[in-house]
Amino acid sequence: MRHLLLLCLALSSACAVAETYRWVDSAGRTVISDTPPPGRAHSVSKAGGGAIETDGLPYSVRKAAEDFPVTLYTSADCTSQCKDARDLLNRRGIPFTEKMVQKQEEIDELKQLVGDAFVPALKVGKQSFRGFEASAYNNLLDLAGYPKTAAYGAKPSGGLSK
């Protein structure tokens, strides 16, 4: 009997740790599941917690942004390559922060990241790339789980300046 009680306690605590998700699917039905919702789910929340900030982004994009945030390093005199990098991120619907490198500490941060003060530079999670090369940017974003194209109707983020 004592072993049965311990087993019940262990199972109930394991269930309490498991995350459950609640969302509204494309047909308007409310779904409750222990697996994360598909990319186009709306009104996503975790059981036992508040609503997850959606910002109108699909769940898969929010999850990738949470696990592998994207930062684009640019400067005022970087024109065509920085624009190309920004356009690639916007075409894919990637939420990103754009850091305009101006101060010495920003220059030092960039040197630590890519070896010198070269823009554009992209940081995805803990990975980085110096310069702009579409295939390299796409590879980093693919590995982080970002979608290959923006969701239908998505508006470019334009990057949040920092």
C-alpha atoms as a PDB file:
ATOM      1  CA  MET A   1       0.000   0.000   0.000  1.00  0.00           C
ATOM      2  CA  ARG A   2       2.838   2.358   0.873  1.00  0.00           C
ATOM      3  CA  HIS A   3       4.487   1.753  -2.517  1.00  0.00           C
ATOM      4  CA  LEU A   4       1.202   2.454  -4.275  1.00  0.00           C
ATOM      5  CA  LEU A   5       0.894   5.785  -2.452  1.00  0.00           C
ATOM      6  CA  LEU A   6       4.462   6.750  -3.443  1.00  0.00           C
ATOM      7  CA  LEU A   7       3.737   5.828  -7.057  1.00  0.00           C
ATOM      8  CA  CYS A   8       0.577   7.960  -7.080  1.00  0.00           C
ATOM      9  CA  LEU A   9       2.478  10.918  -5.637  1.00  0.00           C
ATOM     10  CA  ALA A  10       5.249  10.547  -8.218  1.00  0.00           C
ATOM     11  CA  LEU A  11       2.771  10.378 -11.091  1.00  0.00           C
ATOM     12  CA  SER A  12       0.773  13.381  -9.894  1.00  0.00           C
ATOM     13  CA  SER A  13       3.927  15.514  -9.538  1.00  0.00           C
ATOM     14  CA  ALA A  14       5.081  14.474 -13.028  1.00  0.00           C
ATOM     15  CA  CYS A  15       1.730  15.549 -14.458  1.00  0.00           C
ATOM     16  CA  ALA A  16       1.982  18.893 -12.696  1.00  0.00           C
ATOM     17  CA  VAL A  17       5.358  19.561 -14.352  1.00  0.00           C
ATOM     18  CA  ALA A  18       4.166  18.763 -17.894  1.00  0.00           C
ATOM     19  CA  GLU A  19       3.168  21.850 -19.866  1.00  0.00           C
ATOM     20  CA  THR A  20      -0.258  22.047 -21.391  1.00  0.00           C
ATOM     21  CA  TYR A  21      -1.258  24.488 -24.091  1.00  0.00           C
ATOM     22  CA  ARG A  22      -4.614  25.979 -24.958  1.00  0.00           C
ATOM     23  CA  TRP A  23      -5.303  27.619 -28.319  1.00  0.00           C
ATOM     24  CA  VAL A  24      -7.955  28.320 -30.921  1.00  0.00           C
ATOM     25  CA  ASP A  25      -7.456  26.459 -34.205  1.00  0.00           C
ATOM     26  CA  SER A  26      -8.253  27.722 -37.716  1.00  0.00           C
ATOM     27  CA  ALA A  27     -11.814  26.330 -37.481  1.00  0.00           C
ATOM     28  CA  GLY A  28     -12.455  28.328 -34.292  1.00  0.00           C
ATOM     29  CA  ARG A  29     -12.321  25.315 -31.962  1.00  0.00           C
ATOM     30  CA  THR A  30     -10.526  25.543 -28.609  1.00  0.00           C
ATOM     31  CA  VAL A  31      -7.802  22.893 -28.306  1.00  0.00           C
ATOM     32  CA  ILE A  32      -6.055  21.806 -25.094  1.00  0.00           C
ATOM     33  CA  SER A  33      -2.952  19.658 -25.560  1.00  0.00           C
ATOM     34  CA  ASP A  34       0.412  18.772 -24.059  1.00  0.00           C
ATOM     35  CA  THR A  35       2.107  19.486 -27.414  1.00  0.00           C
ATOM     36  CA  PRO A  36       2.771  23.030 -28.641  1.00  0.00           C
ATOM     37  CA  PRO A  37       0.239  24.398 -31.121  1.00  0.00           C
ATOM     38  CA  PRO A  38       0.840  24.548 -34.863  1.00  0.00           C
ATOM     39  CA  GLY A  39       2.298  27.713 -36.366  1.00  0.00           C
ATOM     40  CA  ARG A  40      -0.999  29.474 -37.162  1.00  0.00           C
ATOM     41  CA  ALA A  41      -2.782  28.980 -33.846  1.00  0.00           C
ATOM     42  CA  HIS A  42      -4.319  32.024 -32.163  1.00  0.00           C
ATOM     43  CA  SER A  43      -4.922  32.931 -28.502  1.00  0.00           C
ATOM     44  CA  VAL A  44      -2.216  30.603 -27.192  1.00  0.00           C
ATOM     45  CA  SER A  45      -1.799  30.250 -23.440  1.00  0.00           C
ATOM     46  CA  LYS A  46      -0.063  27.840 -21.107  1.00  0.00           C
ATOM     47  CA  ALA A  47      -2.120  26.189 -18.402  1.00  0.00           C
ATOM     48  CA  GLY A  48      -1.312  27.648 -15.020  1.00  0.00           C
ATOM     49  CA  GLY A  49       0.148  30.802 -16.540  1.00  0.00           C
ATOM     50  CA  GLY A  50      -0.896  33.950 -18.307  1.00  0.00           C
ATOM     51  CA  ALA A  51      -1.306  34.348 -22.010  1.00  0.00           C
ATOM     52  CA  ILE A  52       1.806  34.190 -24.119  1.00  0.00           C
ATOM     53  CA  GLU A  53       2.492  37.464 -25.929  1.00  0.00           C
ATOM     54  CA  THR A  54       1.486  36.790 -29.511  1.00  0.00           C
ATOM     55  CA  ASP A  55       2.354  40.054 -31.265  1.00  0.00           C
ATOM     56  CA  GLY A  56       0.452  38.505 -34.179  1.00  0.00           C
ATOM     57  CA  LEU A  57       3.261  35.997 -34.843  1.00  0.00           C
ATOM     58  CA  PRO A  58       2.764  32.259 -35.347  1.00  0.00           C
ATOM     59  CA  TYR A  59       3.759  30.077 -32.412  1.00  0.00           C
ATOM     60  CA  SER A  60       6.740  28.584 -34.280  1.00  0.00           C
ATOM     61  CA  VAL A  61       8.198  32.057 -34.887  1.00  0.00           C
ATOM     62  CA  ARG A  62       7.656  33.133 -31.271  1.00  0.00           C
ATOM     63  CA  LYS A  63       9.321  29.928 -30.043  1.00  0.00           C
ATOM     64  CA  ALA A  64      12.340  30.379 -32.348  1.00  0.00           C
ATOM     65  CA  ALA A  65      12.633  34.055 -31.323  1.00  0.00           C
ATOM     66  CA  GLU A  66      12.544  33.088 -27.664  1.00  0.00           C
ATOM     67  CA  ASP A  67      15.203  30.376 -28.042  1.00  0.00           C
ATOM     68  CA  PHE A  68      17.359  32.054 -30.717  1.00  0.00           C
ATOM     69  CA  PRO A  69      16.890  35.846 -30.735  1.00  0.00           C
ATOM     70  CA  VAL A  70      18.138  37.617 -33.862  1.00  0.00           C
ATOM     71  CA  THR A  71      20.265  40.784 -33.827  1.00  0.00           C
ATOM     72  CA  LEU A  72      21.416  42.606 -36.944  1.00  0.00           C
ATOM     73  CA  TYR A  73      24.409  44.898 -36.451  1.00  0.00           C
ATOM     74  CA  THR A  74      24.513  47.871 -38.835  1.00  0.00           C
ATOM     75  CA  SER A  75      25.973  51.355 -39.065  1.00  0.00           C
ATOM     76  CA  ALA A  76      24.899  54.676 -40.552  1.00  0.00           C
ATOM     77  CA  ASP A  77      27.303  54.368 -43.494  1.00  0.00           C
ATOM     78  CA  CYS A  78      26.367  50.760 -44.346  1.00  0.00           C
ATOM     79  CA  THR A  79      23.872  51.039 -47.172  1.00  0.00           C
ATOM     80  CA  SER A  80      23.303  48.263 -49.691  1.00  0.00           C
ATOM     81  CA  GLN A  81      24.510  45.207 -47.728  1.00  0.00           C
ATOM     82  CA  CYS A  82      22.692  46.290 -44.557  1.00  0.00           C
ATOM     83  CA  LYS A  83      19.536  46.900 -46.599  1.00  0.00           C
ATOM     84  CA  ASP A  84      19.883  43.447 -48.201  1.00  0.00           C
ATOM     85  CA  ALA A  85      20.300  41.840 -44.763  1.00  0.00           C
ATOM     86  CA  ARG A  86      17.288  43.730 -43.373  1.00  0.00           C
ATOM     87  CA  ASP A  87      15.190  42.808 -46.433  1.00  0.00           C
ATOM     88  CA  LEU A  88      16.054  39.107 -46.089  1.00  0.00           C
ATOM     89  CA  LEU A  89      14.953  39.096 -42.438  1.00  0.00           C
ATOM     90  CA  ASN A  90      11.733  40.931 -43.287  1.00  0.00           C
ATOM     91  CA  ARG A  91      10.922  38.610 -46.229  1.00  0.00           C
ATOM     92  CA  ARG A  92      11.191  35.651 -43.885  1.00  0.00           C
ATOM     93  CA  GLY A  93       9.085  37.393 -41.216  1.00  0.00           C
ATOM     94  CA  ILE A  94      11.897  37.232 -38.654  1.00  0.00           C
ATOM     95  CA  PRO A  95      11.463  39.419 -35.564  1.00  0.00           C
ATOM     96  CA  PHE A  96      14.855  41.030 -35.001  1.00  0.00           C
ATOM     97  CA  THR A  97      16.647  43.783 -33.173  1.00  0.00           C
ATOM     98  CA  GLU A  98      18.820  46.113 -35.201  1.00  0.00           C
ATOM     99  CA  LYS A  99      21.817  47.557 -33.392  1.00  0.00           C
ATOM    100  CA  MET A 100      23.282  50.650 -34.986  1.00  0.00           C
ATOM    101  CA  VAL A 101      26.951  50.432 -33.992  1.00  0.00           C
ATOM    102  CA  GLN A 102      28.079  53.880 -32.828  1.00  0.00           C
ATOM    103  CA  LYS A 103      29.572  53.806 -29.322  1.00  0.00           C
ATOM    104  CA  GLN A 104      32.866  52.214 -28.351  1.00  0.00           C
ATOM    105  CA  GLU A 105      31.186  49.523 -26.229  1.00  0.00           C
ATOM    106  CA  GLU A 106      29.037  48.553 -29.246  1.00  0.00           C
ATOM    107  CA  ILE A 107      32.168  48.373 -31.409  1.00  0.00           C
ATOM    108  CA  ASP A 108      33.856  46.203 -28.758  1.00  0.00           C
ATOM    109  CA  GLU A 109      30.778  43.939 -28.595  1.00  0.00           C
ATOM    110  CA  LEU A 110      30.870  43.524 -32.381  1.00  0.00           C
ATOM    111  CA  LYS A 111      34.627  42.790 -32.342  1.00  0.00           C
ATOM    112  CA  GLN A 112      34.040  40.118 -29.703  1.00  0.00           C
ATOM    113  CA  LEU A 113      31.237  38.650 -31.796  1.00  0.00           C
ATOM    114  CA  VAL A 114      32.802  38.510 -35.282  1.00  0.00           C
ATOM    115  CA  GLY A 115      36.464  39.426 -34.787  1.00  0.00           C
ATOM    116  CA  ASP A 116      36.364  43.026 -35.976  1.00  0.00           C
ATOM    117  CA  ALA A 117      34.065  46.032 -36.372  1.00  0.00           C
ATOM    118  CA  PHE A 118      32.480  44.884 -39.637  1.00  0.00           C
ATOM    119  CA  VAL A 119      28.847  45.458 -40.603  1.00  0.00           C
ATOM    120  CA  PRO A 120      26.474  44.030 -41.378  1.00  0.00           C
ATOM    121  CA  ALA A 121      26.795  41.192 -38.916  1.00  0.00           C
ATOM    122  CA  LEU A 122      24.069  38.797 -37.825  1.00  0.00           C
ATOM    123  CA  LYS A 123      23.684  37.051 -34.483  1.00  0.00           C
ATOM    124  CA  VAL A 124      21.157  34.206 -34.173  1.00  0.00           C
ATOM    125  CA  GLY A 125      21.138  32.836 -30.641  1.00  0.00           C
ATOM    126  CA  LYS A 126      24.825  32.223 -29.922  1.00  0.00           C
ATOM    127  CA  GLN A 127      25.848  31.867 -33.581  1.00  0.00           C
ATOM    128  CA  SER A 128      27.034  34.787 -35.694  1.00  0.00           C
ATOM    129  CA  PHE A 129      28.082  35.678 -39.209  1.00  0.00           C
ATOM    130  CA  ARG A 130      30.260  38.564 -40.426  1.00  0.00           C
ATOM    131  CA  GLY A 131      29.115  40.399 -43.564  1.00  0.00           C
ATOM    132  CA  PHE A 132      26.098  39.592 -45.690  1.00  0.00           C
ATOM    133  CA  GLU A 133      25.700  36.344 -47.534  1.00  0.00           C
ATOM    134  CA  ALA A 134      22.102  35.262 -48.067  1.00  0.00           C
ATOM    135  CA  SER A 135      22.872  31.529 -47.935  1.00  0.00           C
ATOM    136  CA  ALA A 136      24.750  31.864 -44.629  1.00  0.00           C
ATOM    137  CA  TYR A 137      21.968  33.969 -43.093  1.00  0.00           C
ATOM    138  CA  ASN A 138      19.344  31.488 -44.302  1.00  0.00           C
ATOM    139  CA  ASN A 139      21.346  28.581 -42.897  1.00  0.00           C
ATOM    140  CA  LEU A 140      21.568  30.171 -39.426  1.00  0.00           C
ATOM    141  CA  LEU A 141      17.851  31.000 -39.470  1.00  0.00           C
ATOM    142  CA  ASP A 142      16.873  27.516 -40.718  1.00  0.00           C
ATOM    143  CA  LEU A 143      18.922  25.853 -37.980  1.00  0.00           C
ATOM    144  CA  ALA A 144      17.192  28.033 -35.383  1.00  0.00           C
ATOM    145  CA  GLY A 145      13.773  26.875 -36.609  1.00  0.00           C
ATOM    146  CA  TYR A 146      12.579  30.082 -38.252  1.00  0.00           C
ATOM    147  CA  PRO A 147      10.155  29.735 -41.191  1.00  0.00           C
ATOM    148  CA  LYS A 148      11.512  30.152 -44.719  1.00  0.00           C
ATOM    149  CA  THR A 149       8.891  32.768 -45.590  1.00  0.00           C
ATOM    150  CA  ALA A 150       6.755  35.201 -43.644  1.00  0.00           C
ATOM    151  CA  ALA A 151       3.259  34.085 -42.720  1.00  0.00           C
ATOM    152  CA  TYR A 152       0.544  35.226 -45.130  1.00  0.00           C
ATOM    153  CA  GLY A 153      -0.432  38.799 -44.332  1.00  0.00           C
ATOM    154  CA  ALA A 154       2.570  39.385 -42.034  1.00  0.00           C
ATOM    155  CA  LYS A 155       3.969  42.888 -42.010  1.00  0.00           C
ATOM    156  CA  PRO A 156       7.717  43.508 -41.990  1.00  0.00           C
ATOM    157  CA  SER A 157       9.064  44.283 -38.523  1.00  0.00           C
ATOM    158  CA  GLY A 158      11.703  46.651 -39.831  1.00  0.00           C
ATOM    159  CA  GLY A 159      13.866  45.776 -36.850  1.00  0.00           C
ATOM    160  CA  LEU A 160      13.716  47.300 -33.401  1.00  0.00           C
ATOM    161  CA  SER A 161      16.534  49.776 -33.020  1.00  0.00           C
ATOM    162  CA  LYS A 162      18.633  49.534 -29.944  1.00  0.00           C
END
